[in-house]
N, C-alpha and C. Protein backbone atom coordinates (compact mmCIF):
# COMPACT_ATOMS: atom_id res chain seq x y z
N MET A 1 106.25 -45.63 73.29
CA MET A 1 107.27 -44.15 73.01
C MET A 1 107.57 -43.90 74.20
N LEU A 2 108.54 -43.37 73.91
CA LEU A 2 109.19 -42.18 75.24
C LEU A 2 108.39 -41.14 75.14
N LEU A 3 108.55 -40.42 76.67
CA LEU A 3 108.19 -39.29 76.39
C LEU A 3 109.53 -38.43 77.53
N ILE A 4 109.71 -37.42 76.61
CA ILE A 4 110.84 -36.38 76.97
C ILE A 4 110.58 -34.92 77.23
N LYS A 5 110.90 -34.81 78.72
CA LYS A 5 111.00 -33.44 79.36
C LYS A 5 111.29 -32.26 78.87
N CYS A 6 110.92 -31.12 78.11
CA CYS A 6 111.90 -30.08 77.41
C CYS A 6 111.79 -29.17 78.80
N PRO A 7 113.44 -29.43 78.84
CA PRO A 7 113.61 -28.08 79.88
C PRO A 7 113.19 -26.63 80.14
N TYR A 8 112.97 -26.24 78.28
CA TYR A 8 112.33 -24.94 79.17
C TYR A 8 110.73 -24.82 78.56
N CYS A 9 110.13 -25.82 77.83
CA CYS A 9 108.92 -25.93 77.88
C CYS A 9 108.10 -26.36 79.18
N GLU A 10 109.12 -27.23 79.94
CA GLU A 10 108.75 -28.28 81.14
C GLU A 10 107.32 -29.14 81.17
N GLU A 11 107.69 -29.22 80.28
CA GLU A 11 106.56 -30.26 79.67
C GLU A 11 107.37 -31.84 79.09
N GLU A 12 106.80 -33.07 79.47
CA GLU A 12 106.58 -34.10 78.91
C GLU A 12 106.00 -34.23 77.45
N ARG A 13 106.60 -34.90 76.62
CA ARG A 13 106.00 -34.61 74.83
C ARG A 13 106.66 -35.97 74.59
N PRO A 14 106.24 -36.65 73.38
CA PRO A 14 106.48 -37.43 72.92
C PRO A 14 107.68 -37.54 72.06
N GLU A 15 108.80 -38.68 72.06
CA GLU A 15 109.75 -38.22 71.46
C GLU A 15 109.82 -38.06 69.65
N LEU A 16 108.75 -38.21 69.19
CA LEU A 16 108.33 -37.61 67.84
C LEU A 16 108.88 -36.27 67.53
N GLU A 17 108.78 -35.17 68.76
CA GLU A 17 108.78 -34.06 68.51
C GLU A 17 109.86 -33.11 68.75
N PHE A 18 111.55 -34.04 69.08
CA PHE A 18 112.42 -33.88 69.38
C PHE A 18 113.40 -34.86 68.14
N ARG A 19 114.61 -34.06 67.98
CA ARG A 19 115.92 -34.52 67.25
C ARG A 19 117.14 -34.71 68.05
N ASN A 20 117.99 -35.89 68.06
CA ASN A 20 118.92 -36.04 68.80
C ASN A 20 120.26 -35.14 68.15
N ALA A 21 120.85 -34.34 68.47
CA ALA A 21 121.59 -33.58 67.91
C ALA A 21 123.12 -33.96 67.94
N GLY A 22 123.63 -35.50 68.45
CA GLY A 22 124.70 -35.78 69.09
C GLY A 22 124.93 -35.77 70.26
N GLU A 23 126.70 -35.75 70.55
CA GLU A 23 127.22 -35.86 71.58
C GLU A 23 127.31 -34.13 72.49
N ALA A 24 127.01 -34.02 73.73
CA ALA A 24 126.93 -32.41 74.28
C ALA A 24 128.27 -32.58 74.94
N HIS A 25 128.66 -30.83 74.86
CA HIS A 25 130.00 -30.54 75.67
C HIS A 25 131.37 -30.83 74.82
N LEU A 26 131.02 -30.63 73.74
CA LEU A 26 132.16 -30.53 72.93
C LEU A 26 132.97 -29.65 72.68
N VAL A 27 134.57 -29.40 73.31
CA VAL A 27 135.06 -28.22 73.28
C VAL A 27 135.72 -27.82 72.07
N ARG A 28 135.25 -26.65 70.97
CA ARG A 28 135.68 -26.44 69.84
C ARG A 28 136.90 -25.90 69.86
N VAL A 29 137.99 -25.58 69.82
CA VAL A 29 139.04 -24.65 69.06
C VAL A 29 138.56 -23.08 68.88
N ALA A 30 139.31 -22.21 69.57
CA ALA A 30 139.34 -21.12 68.83
C ALA A 30 139.82 -20.38 67.57
N SER A 31 140.71 -21.61 66.80
CA SER A 31 141.32 -21.15 65.70
C SER A 31 141.34 -22.54 64.68
N ILE A 32 140.42 -22.66 63.99
CA ILE A 32 140.57 -24.34 63.08
C ILE A 32 141.53 -23.85 62.16
N ILE A 33 142.09 -22.88 61.58
CA ILE A 33 142.97 -22.88 60.77
C ILE A 33 144.48 -23.58 61.76
N ASP A 34 144.41 -23.30 62.82
CA ASP A 34 145.63 -24.09 63.32
C ASP A 34 145.48 -25.38 63.44
N GLN A 35 144.56 -25.87 63.30
CA GLN A 35 144.29 -27.33 63.76
C GLN A 35 144.87 -28.20 62.00
N SER A 36 145.47 -29.66 62.59
CA SER A 36 145.46 -30.68 61.59
C SER A 36 145.10 -30.81 61.23
N ASP A 37 144.48 -31.86 60.15
CA ASP A 37 143.56 -32.29 59.32
C ASP A 37 142.96 -33.29 59.68
N GLU A 38 143.73 -34.14 60.28
CA GLU A 38 142.98 -34.91 61.29
C GLU A 38 142.45 -34.46 62.84
N ASP A 39 142.80 -33.69 63.28
CA ASP A 39 142.36 -33.15 64.23
C ASP A 39 140.80 -32.44 63.96
N PHE A 40 140.46 -32.31 62.51
CA PHE A 40 139.86 -31.20 62.48
C PHE A 40 138.76 -32.57 61.82
N ALA A 41 138.91 -33.39 61.38
CA ALA A 41 138.15 -34.70 61.24
C ALA A 41 137.47 -35.40 62.08
N ALA A 42 138.54 -35.22 63.41
CA ALA A 42 138.42 -35.97 64.80
C ALA A 42 137.02 -34.86 65.00
N LEU A 43 137.17 -34.11 65.09
CA LEU A 43 136.03 -32.58 65.42
C LEU A 43 134.60 -33.08 64.80
N LEU A 44 135.08 -33.25 63.55
CA LEU A 44 133.52 -33.04 62.95
C LEU A 44 132.87 -34.38 63.55
N TYR A 45 133.46 -35.62 62.61
CA TYR A 45 133.40 -36.79 61.96
C TYR A 45 133.03 -38.21 63.43
N PHE A 46 133.92 -37.81 64.23
CA PHE A 46 134.25 -39.11 65.44
C PHE A 46 133.50 -38.79 66.85
N ARG A 47 132.97 -39.40 67.41
CA ARG A 47 131.94 -38.71 68.45
C ARG A 47 132.06 -40.77 69.56
N GLN A 48 132.34 -40.18 70.03
CA GLN A 48 132.79 -41.92 71.68
C GLN A 48 130.83 -41.75 71.65
N ASN A 49 130.86 -43.28 71.20
CA ASN A 49 129.63 -44.34 71.45
C ASN A 49 129.24 -44.99 73.01
N PRO A 50 129.98 -44.46 73.72
CA PRO A 50 129.87 -45.90 75.11
C PRO A 50 128.67 -46.35 75.53
N LYS A 51 128.72 -47.34 76.06
CA LYS A 51 127.42 -48.22 76.44
C LYS A 51 127.42 -47.32 78.02
N GLY A 52 125.96 -47.29 78.35
CA GLY A 52 125.64 -46.35 79.32
C GLY A 52 125.38 -45.76 79.53
N LEU A 53 126.06 -44.51 80.45
CA LEU A 53 125.11 -43.21 80.32
C LEU A 53 126.08 -42.40 79.35
N GLN A 54 124.95 -41.49 78.36
CA GLN A 54 125.95 -40.54 77.81
C GLN A 54 125.06 -39.09 78.04
N PHE A 55 125.91 -38.55 77.76
CA PHE A 55 125.20 -36.92 77.75
C PHE A 55 125.16 -35.89 76.04
N GLU A 56 124.19 -35.99 75.80
CA GLU A 56 123.92 -35.59 74.53
C GLU A 56 123.36 -34.20 74.38
N ARG A 57 122.86 -33.59 73.49
CA ARG A 57 122.32 -32.53 72.77
C ARG A 57 120.83 -32.55 72.54
N TRP A 58 119.74 -32.64 72.37
CA TRP A 58 118.77 -32.82 71.94
C TRP A 58 118.15 -31.29 71.46
N ARG A 59 117.44 -31.37 70.39
CA ARG A 59 116.37 -30.62 69.61
C ARG A 59 114.99 -30.31 69.94
N HIS A 60 114.01 -29.66 70.80
CA HIS A 60 112.63 -29.41 70.34
C HIS A 60 112.13 -29.08 69.45
N ILE A 61 112.34 -29.44 68.14
CA ILE A 61 112.17 -29.38 66.95
C ILE A 61 110.69 -28.99 66.87
N HIS A 62 109.23 -29.48 67.18
CA HIS A 62 108.24 -29.69 66.93
C HIS A 62 107.44 -28.62 68.24
N GLY A 63 108.39 -28.09 69.32
CA GLY A 63 108.09 -27.04 70.11
C GLY A 63 108.82 -25.63 70.40
N CYS A 64 109.05 -25.94 71.01
CA CYS A 64 109.73 -25.03 70.95
C CYS A 64 110.80 -24.25 70.66
N GLY A 65 111.56 -25.32 70.05
CA GLY A 65 113.04 -25.14 68.98
C GLY A 65 114.55 -25.19 69.78
N ARG A 66 114.11 -25.38 70.60
CA ARG A 66 115.49 -25.07 71.30
C ARG A 66 116.37 -26.20 71.57
N PHE A 67 117.78 -25.96 72.00
CA PHE A 67 118.88 -26.92 72.00
C PHE A 67 118.81 -27.19 73.95
N PHE A 68 118.58 -28.37 73.97
CA PHE A 68 118.71 -28.86 75.46
C PHE A 68 119.65 -29.71 75.39
N ASN A 69 120.35 -30.10 76.46
CA ASN A 69 121.08 -31.37 77.18
C ASN A 69 120.65 -32.70 78.23
N ALA A 70 120.83 -33.81 77.94
CA ALA A 70 120.19 -34.88 78.42
C ALA A 70 121.33 -35.92 78.83
N VAL A 71 121.11 -36.32 79.70
CA VAL A 71 122.14 -37.51 80.34
C VAL A 71 120.58 -38.89 79.86
N ARG A 72 121.16 -39.45 78.72
CA ARG A 72 120.80 -40.89 78.79
C ARG A 72 121.15 -42.38 79.04
N ASP A 73 120.23 -43.05 79.14
CA ASP A 73 121.35 -44.04 79.15
C ASP A 73 120.76 -45.05 77.81
N SER A 74 122.30 -45.80 77.10
CA SER A 74 122.22 -46.33 75.98
C SER A 74 121.71 -47.82 75.60
N VAL A 75 121.66 -48.19 77.09
CA VAL A 75 120.98 -49.50 77.10
C VAL A 75 119.57 -49.77 77.32
N SER A 76 119.02 -48.44 78.29
CA SER A 76 117.93 -48.84 78.64
C SER A 76 117.18 -47.54 78.01
N ASP A 77 117.60 -46.96 77.21
CA ASP A 77 117.09 -46.02 76.80
C ASP A 77 116.47 -44.89 77.12
N LYS A 78 116.48 -44.88 78.95
CA LYS A 78 116.35 -43.94 79.68
C LYS A 78 116.67 -43.06 80.00
N PHE A 79 116.02 -41.98 79.88
CA PHE A 79 116.51 -40.68 80.32
C PHE A 79 116.48 -40.43 81.74
N LEU A 80 117.95 -39.70 82.56
CA LEU A 80 118.15 -39.30 83.48
C LEU A 80 117.89 -38.36 84.01
N THR A 81 117.56 -37.43 83.77
CA THR A 81 118.21 -35.81 83.58
C THR A 81 117.92 -35.04 82.30
N VAL A 82 117.49 -34.01 82.30
CA VAL A 82 117.88 -33.10 81.04
C VAL A 82 117.91 -31.59 81.70
N TYR A 83 118.66 -30.97 80.94
CA TYR A 83 119.07 -29.91 81.48
C TYR A 83 119.18 -28.51 80.14
N LYS A 84 119.80 -27.28 80.32
CA LYS A 84 119.54 -26.25 79.55
C LYS A 84 120.17 -26.70 79.15
N ALA A 85 120.80 -25.91 77.68
CA ALA A 85 121.87 -25.81 77.25
C ALA A 85 122.89 -24.46 77.43
N GLY A 86 124.13 -24.51 77.99
CA GLY A 86 124.86 -23.99 78.68
C GLY A 86 125.75 -23.67 80.05
N GLU A 87 124.36 -24.56 80.72
CA GLU A 87 124.35 -25.21 82.25
C GLU A 87 125.85 -26.11 82.39
N PRO A 88 126.10 -26.41 83.03
CA PRO A 88 127.04 -27.88 83.49
C PRO A 88 126.45 -29.17 83.37
N LYS A 89 127.43 -29.97 82.94
CA LYS A 89 126.98 -31.08 83.12
C LYS A 89 126.69 -31.13 84.70
N PRO A 90 125.84 -32.69 84.95
CA PRO A 90 125.04 -32.55 85.63
C PRO A 90 126.32 -33.93 86.76
N ASN A 91 126.05 -33.67 87.88
CA ASN A 91 127.21 -34.93 88.56
C ASN A 91 126.32 -36.21 88.79
N VAL A 92 126.82 -37.30 87.89
CA VAL A 92 126.63 -37.87 88.09
C VAL A 92 126.21 -39.37 89.27
N GLU A 93 127.19 -38.93 89.93
CA GLU A 93 126.90 -39.43 91.48
C GLU A 93 126.02 -39.31 92.16
N GLN A 94 125.95 -37.82 92.05
CA GLN A 94 124.14 -37.02 92.52
C GLN A 94 122.91 -38.20 92.40
N LEU A 95 122.86 -37.61 90.81
CA LEU A 95 121.75 -38.56 90.22
C LEU A 95 121.74 -40.07 90.65
N ILE A 96 123.08 -40.55 91.12
CA ILE A 96 122.80 -42.21 91.91
C ILE A 96 122.65 -41.74 93.16
N THR A 97 122.54 -41.01 93.77
CA THR A 97 122.69 -40.70 95.10
C THR A 97 120.92 -40.63 95.75
N ARG A 98 120.23 -39.71 94.42
CA ARG A 98 118.90 -39.59 94.56
C ARG A 98 118.30 -40.57 94.51
N GLY A 99 119.11 -41.55 93.73
CA GLY A 99 118.08 -43.15 93.44
C GLY A 99 117.67 -42.96 92.04
N THR A 100 117.86 -42.33 91.33
CA THR A 100 117.17 -42.29 89.57
C THR A 100 117.75 -42.81 88.68
N ALA A 101 118.94 -43.02 89.02
CA ALA A 101 119.77 -43.86 88.09
C ALA A 101 120.66 -45.26 88.92
N ALA A 102 120.46 -45.22 89.66
CA ALA A 102 120.72 -46.25 90.40
C ALA A 102 120.53 -48.28 89.75
N GLU A 103 119.56 -48.37 89.12
CA GLU A 103 119.46 -49.48 88.62
C GLU A 103 119.84 -49.49 87.19
N VAL A 104 120.01 -48.45 86.59
CA VAL A 104 120.85 -48.25 84.94
C VAL A 104 122.21 -48.16 85.34
N VAL A 105 123.04 -47.44 86.62
CA VAL A 105 124.47 -47.76 86.46
C VAL A 105 124.59 -49.32 86.93
N VAL A 106 123.63 -49.84 87.74
CA VAL A 106 124.17 -51.48 88.19
C VAL A 106 123.92 -52.04 86.65
N GLU A 107 123.44 -51.95 85.75
CA GLU A 107 122.75 -52.83 84.83
C GLU A 107 124.49 -52.53 83.70
N SER A 108 124.83 -51.12 83.98
CA SER A 108 125.75 -50.68 82.37
C SER A 108 127.12 -51.37 83.40
N ALA A 109 127.20 -50.96 84.40
CA ALA A 109 128.87 -51.26 85.08
C ALA A 109 129.00 -53.14 85.69
N ALA A 110 128.35 -53.91 85.60
CA ALA A 110 128.41 -55.16 86.26
C ALA A 110 127.92 -55.89 85.11
N PRO A 111 128.12 -57.00 84.58
CA PRO A 111 127.35 -57.45 83.71
C PRO A 111 127.13 -58.49 84.58
N ARG A 112 125.68 -59.38 84.10
CA ARG A 112 125.30 -60.55 85.27
C ARG A 112 125.97 -61.85 84.85
N ALA A 113 126.33 -62.44 85.60
CA ALA A 113 126.93 -63.88 85.78
C ALA A 113 125.78 -65.07 85.25
N PRO A 114 126.38 -65.91 84.32
CA PRO A 114 125.45 -66.72 83.73
C PRO A 114 124.90 -67.37 85.44
N ARG A 115 123.64 -68.31 85.22
CA ARG A 115 123.12 -68.38 85.83
C ARG A 115 123.80 -70.48 86.22
N ALA A 116 123.92 -70.95 87.02
CA ALA A 116 124.69 -72.10 87.07
C ALA A 116 123.42 -73.24 86.99
N LYS A 117 123.88 -74.66 86.34
CA LYS A 117 122.64 -75.18 85.97
C LYS A 117 122.90 -76.33 87.27
N LYS A 118 121.63 -76.45 87.74
CA LYS A 118 121.69 -77.38 88.62
C LYS A 118 121.39 -78.56 88.37
N ALA A 119 122.37 -79.62 89.39
CA ALA A 119 122.75 -80.11 89.07
C ALA A 119 121.81 -81.70 89.18
N GLU A 120 121.67 -83.03 88.44
CA GLU A 120 120.37 -83.77 88.36
C GLU A 120 120.82 -84.76 89.26
N ALA A 121 120.02 -85.38 89.93
CA ALA A 121 119.63 -86.20 91.08
C ALA A 121 119.90 -88.00 90.24
């Protein structure tokens, strides 16, 4: 089971207490009426789903009930950092420099080459 740290409660709790609320840092326009139907549909329904690091919005449903953001690797399901809603995106390069995300970035950035077969004598 995953343990997720809520930045408000400052405790690690089981993943069952949390709900994923989708992609974080979406920019919404001030006037929806000025948008075309295609742009409005894209805002509501279409999200990026990259393999690797993702910025996500989460809610601590069975705790404080507050929304927060997280940087999670979609390959290993590892949370690199969490931060309060409204705070800017953390610098991914700083996470790598601190060493918390080095192994994750290497795994998702460069696929491993297949092993060469040994020649039989």
